[in-house]
PDB file of N, CA and C in Angstrom:
ATOM      1  N   MET A   1     -15.238   4.212  63.163  1.00  0.00           N
ATOM      2  CA  MET A   1     -14.922   4.094  61.752  1.00  0.00           C
ATOM      3  C   MET A   1     -13.886   5.165  61.397  1.00  0.00           C
ATOM      4  N   ASN A   2     -12.785   4.752  60.768  1.00  0.00           N
ATOM      5  CA  ASN A   2     -11.747   5.721  60.410  1.00  0.00           C
ATOM      6  C   ASN A   2     -12.092   6.423  59.094  1.00  0.00           C
ATOM      7  N   ILE A   3     -11.288   7.383  58.740  1.00  0.00           N
ATOM      8  CA  ILE A   3     -11.545   8.201  57.545  1.00  0.00           C
ATOM      9  C   ILE A   3     -11.568   7.341  56.283  1.00  0.00           C
ATOM     10  N   ARG A   4     -10.632   6.424  56.146  1.00  0.00           N
ATOM     11  CA  ARG A   4     -10.570   5.570  54.947  1.00  0.00           C
ATOM     12  C   ARG A   4     -11.855   4.752  54.810  1.00  0.00           C
ATOM     13  N   GLN A   5     -12.335   4.188  55.898  1.00  0.00           N
ATOM     14  CA  GLN A   5     -13.558   3.391  55.852  1.00  0.00           C
ATOM     15  C   GLN A   5     -14.774   4.257  55.514  1.00  0.00           C
ATOM     16  N   LYS A   6     -14.823   5.471  56.069  1.00  0.00           N
ATOM     17  CA  LYS A   6     -15.924   6.380  55.764  1.00  0.00           C
ATOM     18  C   LYS A   6     -15.918   6.745  54.287  1.00  0.00           C
ATOM     19  N   LEU A   7     -14.740   7.026  53.772  1.00  0.00           N
ATOM     20  CA  LEU A   7     -14.616   7.393  52.363  1.00  0.00           C
ATOM     21  C   LEU A   7     -15.020   6.232  51.452  1.00  0.00           C
ATOM     22  N   LEU A   8     -14.579   5.034  51.780  1.00  0.00           N
ATOM     23  CA  LEU A   8     -14.944   3.864  50.979  1.00  0.00           C
ATOM     24  C   LEU A   8     -16.455   3.624  50.993  1.00  0.00           C
ATOM     25  N   THR A   9     -17.083   3.839  52.126  1.00  0.00           N
ATOM     26  CA  THR A   9     -18.534   3.689  52.227  1.00  0.00           C
ATOM     27  C   THR A   9     -19.247   4.677  51.320  1.00  0.00           C
ATOM     28  N   ILE A  10     -18.771   5.913  51.314  1.00  0.00           N
ATOM     29  CA  ILE A  10     -19.371   6.942  50.455  1.00  0.00           C
ATOM     30  C   ILE A  10     -19.116   6.631  48.983  1.00  0.00           C
ATOM     31  N   ILE A  11     -17.895   6.219  48.656  1.00  0.00           N
ATOM     32  CA  ILE A  11     -17.532   5.909  47.274  1.00  0.00           C
ATOM     33  C   ILE A  11     -18.433   4.810  46.708  1.00  0.00           C
ATOM     34  N   GLU A  12     -18.733   3.813  47.496  1.00  0.00           N
ATOM     35  CA  GLU A  12     -19.583   2.706  47.042  1.00  0.00           C
ATOM     36  C   GLU A  12     -20.975   3.179  46.633  1.00  0.00           C
ATOM     37  N   GLN A  13     -21.400   4.333  47.134  1.00  0.00           N
ATOM     38  CA  GLN A  13     -22.741   4.836  46.860  1.00  0.00           C
ATOM     39  C   GLN A  13     -22.783   5.831  45.696  1.00  0.00           C
ATOM     40  N   LEU A  14     -21.624   6.230  45.179  1.00  0.00           N
ATOM     41  CA  LEU A  14     -21.586   7.246  44.127  1.00  0.00           C
ATOM     42  C   LEU A  14     -21.838   6.649  42.746  1.00  0.00           C
ATOM     43  N   PRO A  15     -22.558   7.383  41.889  1.00  0.00           N
ATOM     44  CA  PRO A  15     -22.718   6.947  40.496  1.00  0.00           C
ATOM     45  C   PRO A  15     -21.415   7.169  39.730  1.00  0.00           C
ATOM     46  N   ASP A  16     -21.292   6.528  38.564  1.00  0.00           N
ATOM     47  CA  ASP A  16     -20.052   6.576  37.782  1.00  0.00           C
ATOM     48  C   ASP A  16     -19.598   7.987  37.434  1.00  0.00           C
ATOM     49  N   GLU A  17     -20.526   8.882  37.073  1.00  0.00           N
ATOM     50  CA  GLU A  17     -20.101  10.240  36.695  1.00  0.00           C
ATOM     51  C   GLU A  17     -19.460  10.983  37.868  1.00  0.00           C
ATOM     52  N   LYS A  18     -19.927  10.731  39.076  1.00  0.00           N
ATOM     53  CA  LYS A  18     -19.303  11.365  40.243  1.00  0.00           C
ATOM     54  C   LYS A  18     -18.012  10.652  40.625  1.00  0.00           C
ATOM     55  N   LEU A  19     -17.930   9.371  40.340  1.00  0.00           N
ATOM     56  CA  LEU A  19     -16.680   8.650  40.587  1.00  0.00           C
ATOM     57  C   LEU A  19     -15.574   9.169  39.673  1.00  0.00           C
ATOM     58  N   ALA A  20     -15.926   9.558  38.452  1.00  0.00           N
ATOM     59  CA  ALA A  20     -14.934  10.105  37.523  1.00  0.00           C
ATOM     60  C   ALA A  20     -14.367  11.406  38.086  1.00  0.00           C
ATOM     61  N   ILE A  21     -15.223  12.238  38.660  1.00  0.00           N
ATOM     62  CA  ILE A  21     -14.768  13.489  39.270  1.00  0.00           C
ATOM     63  C   ILE A  21     -13.866  13.189  40.463  1.00  0.00           C
ATOM     64  N   LEU A  22     -14.281  12.243  41.266  1.00  0.00           N
ATOM     65  CA  LEU A  22     -13.492  11.865  42.442  1.00  0.00           C
ATOM     66  C   LEU A  22     -12.138  11.288  42.038  1.00  0.00           C
ATOM     67  N   LEU A  23     -12.116  10.525  40.957  1.00  0.00           N
ATOM     68  CA  LEU A  23     -10.859   9.963  40.466  1.00  0.00           C
ATOM     69  C   LEU A  23      -9.906  11.074  40.044  1.00  0.00           C
ATOM     70  N   ASN A  24     -10.413  12.056  39.311  1.00  0.00           N
ATOM     71  CA  ASN A  24      -9.573  13.190  38.907  1.00  0.00           C
ATOM     72  C   ASN A  24      -9.024  13.932  40.115  1.00  0.00           C
ATOM     73  N   LEU A  25      -9.859  14.135  41.118  1.00  0.00           N
ATOM     74  CA  LEU A  25      -9.407  14.805  42.340  1.00  0.00           C
ATOM     75  C   LEU A  25      -8.339  13.982  43.045  1.00  0.00           C
ATOM     76  N   ALA A  26      -8.561  12.694  43.156  1.00  0.00           N
ATOM     77  CA  ALA A  26      -7.590  11.822  43.827  1.00  0.00           C
ATOM     78  C   ALA A  26      -6.247  11.821  43.099  1.00  0.00           C
ATOM     79  N   LEU A  27      -6.290  11.774  41.765  1.00  0.00           N
ATOM     80  CA  LEU A  27      -5.044  11.802  40.993  1.00  0.00           C
ATOM     81  C   LEU A  27      -4.316  13.132  41.169  1.00  0.00           C
ATOM     82  N   PHE A  28      -5.081  14.215  41.217  1.00  0.00           N
ATOM     83  CA  PHE A  28      -4.476  15.522  41.431  1.00  0.00           C
ATOM     84  C   PHE A  28      -3.820  15.591  42.817  1.00  0.00           C
ATOM     85  N   LEU A  29      -4.531  15.146  43.838  1.00  0.00           N
ATOM     86  CA  LEU A  29      -3.983  15.175  45.197  1.00  0.00           C
ATOM     87  C   LEU A  29      -2.743  14.290  45.305  1.00  0.00           C
ATOM     88  N   LYS A  30      -2.765  13.151  44.645  1.00  0.00           N
ATOM     89  CA  LYS A  30      -1.621  12.235  44.673  1.00  0.00           C
ATOM     90  C   LYS A  30      -0.398  12.860  44.004  1.00  0.00           C
ATOM     91  N   SER A  31      -0.618  13.685  42.980  1.00  0.00           N
ATOM     92  CA  SER A  31       0.501  14.285  42.246  1.00  0.00           C
ATOM     93  C   SER A  31       1.290  15.261  43.114  1.00  0.00           C
ATOM     94  N   GLY A  32       0.648  15.821  44.134  1.00  0.00           N
ATOM     95  CA  GLY A  32       1.328  16.760  45.019  1.00  0.00           C
ATOM     96  C   GLY A  32       1.475  18.148  44.450  1.00  0.00           C
ATOM     97  N   LYS A  33       0.880  18.402  43.278  1.00  0.00           N
ATOM     98  CA  LYS A  33       0.979  19.724  42.664  1.00  0.00           C
ATOM     99  C   LYS A  33       0.098  20.721  43.414  1.00  0.00           C
ATOM    100  N   GLU A  34       0.525  21.960  43.352  1.00  0.00           N
ATOM    101  CA  GLU A  34      -0.278  23.031  43.926  1.00  0.00           C
ATOM    102  C   GLU A  34      -1.428  23.351  42.977  1.00  0.00           C
ATOM    103  N   PRO A  35      -2.594  23.643  43.495  1.00  0.00           N
ATOM    104  CA  PRO A  35      -3.715  23.979  42.621  1.00  0.00           C
ATOM    105  C   PRO A  35      -3.473  25.284  41.874  1.00  0.00           C
ATOM    106  N   VAL A  36      -3.947  25.348  40.661  1.00  0.00           N
ATOM    107  CA  VAL A  36      -3.854  26.561  39.851  1.00  0.00           C
ATOM    108  C   VAL A  36      -5.223  27.238  39.896  1.00  0.00           C
ATOM    109  N   PRO A  37      -5.259  28.475  40.380  1.00  0.00           N
ATOM    110  CA  PRO A  37      -6.555  29.163  40.412  1.00  0.00           C
ATOM    111  C   PRO A  37      -7.142  29.272  39.013  1.00  0.00           C
ATOM    112  N   PRO A  38      -8.446  29.023  38.870  1.00  0.00           N
ATOM    113  CA  PRO A  38      -9.079  29.074  37.543  1.00  0.00           C
ATOM    114  C   PRO A  38      -8.829  30.390  36.812  1.00  0.00           C
ATOM    115  N   MET A  39      -8.707  31.484  37.555  1.00  0.00           N
ATOM    116  CA  MET A  39      -8.474  32.778  36.911  1.00  0.00           C
ATOM    117  C   MET A  39      -7.197  32.747  36.075  1.00  0.00           C
ATOM    118  N   LEU A  40      -6.159  32.076  36.564  1.00  0.00           N
ATOM    119  CA  LEU A  40      -4.886  32.040  35.846  1.00  0.00           C
ATOM    120  C   LEU A  40      -4.981  31.249  34.552  1.00  0.00           C
ATOM    121  N   LEU A  41      -5.967  30.380  34.460  1.00  0.00           N
ATOM    122  CA  LEU A  41      -6.142  29.582  33.259  1.00  0.00           C
ATOM    123  C   LEU A  41      -7.062  30.254  32.249  1.00  0.00           C
ATOM    124  N   SER A  42      -7.743  31.310  32.665  1.00  0.00           N
ATOM    125  CA  SER A  42      -8.730  31.934  31.781  1.00  0.00           C
ATOM    126  C   SER A  42      -8.054  32.664  30.624  1.00  0.00           C
ATOM    127  N   GLN A  43      -8.729  32.695  29.494  1.00  0.00           N
ATOM    128  CA  GLN A  43      -8.207  33.385  28.321  1.00  0.00           C
ATOM    129  C   GLN A  43      -8.118  34.884  28.568  1.00  0.00           C
ATOM    130  N   ALA A  44      -9.079  35.436  29.295  1.00  0.00           N
ATOM    131  CA  ALA A  44      -9.068  36.876  29.578  1.00  0.00           C
ATOM    132  C   ALA A  44      -7.814  37.255  30.364  1.00  0.00           C
ATOM    133  N   TYR A  45      -7.437  36.459  31.341  1.00  0.00           N
ATOM    134  CA  TYR A  45      -6.238  36.739  32.129  1.00  0.00           C
ATOM    135  C   TYR A  45      -4.981  36.619  31.265  1.00  0.00           C
ATOM    136  N   GLN A  46      -4.940  35.601  30.414  1.00  0.00           N
ATOM    137  CA  GLN A  46      -3.792  35.433  29.527  1.00  0.00           C
ATOM    138  C   GLN A  46      -3.682  36.617  28.568  1.00  0.00           C
ATOM    139  N   ASP A  47      -4.819  37.094  28.049  1.00  0.00           N
ATOM    140  CA  ASP A  47      -4.818  38.267  27.180  1.00  0.00           C
ATOM    141  C   ASP A  47      -4.315  39.495  27.926  1.00  0.00           C
ATOM    142  N   TRP A  48      -4.721  39.638  29.168  1.00  0.00           N
ATOM    143  CA  TRP A  48      -4.320  40.778  29.992  1.00  0.00           C
ATOM    144  C   TRP A  48      -2.803  40.795  30.191  1.00  0.00           C
ATOM    145  N   LEU A  49      -2.204  39.613  30.311  1.00  0.00           N
ATOM    146  CA  LEU A  49      -0.761  39.511  30.521  1.00  0.00           C
ATOM    147  C   LEU A  49       0.044  39.629  29.235  1.00  0.00           C
ATOM    148  N   SER A  50      -0.608  39.544  28.097  1.00  0.00           N
ATOM    149  CA  SER A  50       0.114  39.507  26.825  1.00  0.00           C
ATOM    150  C   SER A  50       0.849  40.812  26.545  1.00  0.00           C
ATOM    151  N   ALA A  51       1.869  40.717  25.710  1.00  0.00           N
ATOM    152  CA  ALA A  51       2.681  41.882  25.350  1.00  0.00           C
ATOM    153  C   ALA A  51       1.853  42.933  24.622  1.00  0.00           C
ATOM    154  N   GLU A  52       0.869  42.495  23.846  1.00  0.00           N
ATOM    155  CA  GLU A  52       0.025  43.441  23.115  1.00  0.00           C
ATOM    156  C   GLU A  52      -0.805  44.302  24.058  1.00  0.00           C
ATOM    157  N   ASN A  53      -0.994  43.848  25.245  1.00  0.00           N
ATOM    158  CA  ASN A  53      -1.834  44.552  26.198  1.00  0.00           C
ATOM    159  C   ASN A  53      -0.996  45.232  27.287  1.00  0.00           C
ATOM    160  N   ASP A  54       0.279  45.415  27.047  1.00  0.00           N
ATOM    161  CA  ASP A  54       1.165  45.998  28.045  1.00  0.00           C
ATOM    162  C   ASP A  54       1.025  47.517  28.032  1.00  0.00           C
ATOM    163  N   ILE A  55       0.256  48.041  28.973  1.00  0.00           N
ATOM    164  CA  ILE A  55       0.019  49.488  29.003  1.00  0.00           C
ATOM    165  C   ILE A  55       1.079  50.216  29.835  1.00  0.00           C
ATOM    166  N   TYR A  56       1.931  49.478  30.517  1.00  0.00           N
ATOM    167  CA  TYR A  56       2.959  50.109  31.330  1.00  0.00           C
ATOM    168  C   TYR A  56       3.813  51.046  30.485  1.00  0.00           C
ATOM    169  N   ASP A  57       4.278  50.544  29.339  1.00  0.00           N
ATOM    170  CA  ASP A  57       5.127  51.372  28.475  1.00  0.00           C
ATOM    171  C   ASP A  57       4.392  52.600  27.981  1.00  0.00           C
ATOM    172  N   GLU A  58       3.119  52.440  27.648  1.00  0.00           N
ATOM    173  CA  GLU A  58       2.336  53.572  27.171  1.00  0.00           C
ATOM    174  C   GLU A  58       2.160  54.621  28.267  1.00  0.00           C
ATOM    175  N   LEU A  59       1.887  54.181  29.464  1.00  0.00           N
ATOM    176  CA  LEU A  59       1.638  55.104  30.568  1.00  0.00           C
ATOM    177  C   LEU A  59       2.893  55.840  31.015  1.00  0.00           C
ATOM    178  N   PHE A  60       4.012  55.153  30.985  1.00  0.00           N
ATOM    179  CA  PHE A  60       5.223  55.728  31.534  1.00  0.00           C
ATOM    180  C   PHE A  60       6.287  56.041  30.483  1.00  0.00           C
ATOM    181  N   ALA A  61       5.929  55.998  29.201  1.00  0.00           N
ATOM    182  CA  ALA A  61       6.893  56.259  28.147  1.00  0.00           C
ATOM    183  C   ALA A  61       7.496  57.655  28.285  1.00  0.00           C
ATOM    184  N   ASP A  62       6.663  58.658  28.588  1.00  0.00           N
ATOM    185  CA  ASP A  62       7.173  60.014  28.746  1.00  0.00           C
ATOM    186  C   ASP A  62       8.140  60.112  29.922  1.00  0.00           C
ATOM    187  N   GLU A  63       7.799  59.462  31.006  1.00  0.00           N
ATOM    188  CA  GLU A  63       8.671  59.497  32.190  1.00  0.00           C
ATOM    189  C   GLU A  63       9.996  58.818  31.882  1.00  0.00           C
ATOM    190  N   LEU A  64       9.949  57.717  31.196  1.00  0.00           N
ATOM    191  CA  LEU A  64      11.190  57.011  30.857  1.00  0.00           C
ATOM    192  C   LEU A  64      12.032  57.824  29.893  1.00  0.00           C
ATOM    193  N   ALA A  65      11.402  58.534  28.986  1.00  0.00           N
ATOM    194  CA  ALA A  65      12.130  59.355  28.013  1.00  0.00           C
ATOM    195  C   ALA A  65      12.829  60.521  28.687  1.00  0.00           C
ATOM    196  N   LYS A  66      12.270  61.038  29.767  1.00  0.00           N
ATOM    197  CA  LYS A  66      12.847  62.178  30.469  1.00  0.00           C
ATOM    198  C   LYS A  66      14.118  61.792  31.214  1.00  0.00           C
ATOM    199  N   ARG A  67      14.287  60.543  31.543  1.00  0.00           N
ATOM    200  CA  ARG A  67      15.438  60.123  32.358  1.00  0.00           C
ATOM    201  C   ARG A  67      16.652  59.926  31.564  1.00  0.00           C
TER     202      ARG A  67
END
């Protein structure tokens, strides 16, 4: 039995809610896009990257002023 046949056999046994998950995965794989790590999508990470949270300038402001 090849991979396609094995997959079809398993798919036939899945309930609808799991088929919905499998459909989303299949569409994602078909798109060819690279996966985005969940951390990059998190609000905490986005807040950390925001300009309001840029501590680089605060930490090195004195050093930059000396130059």
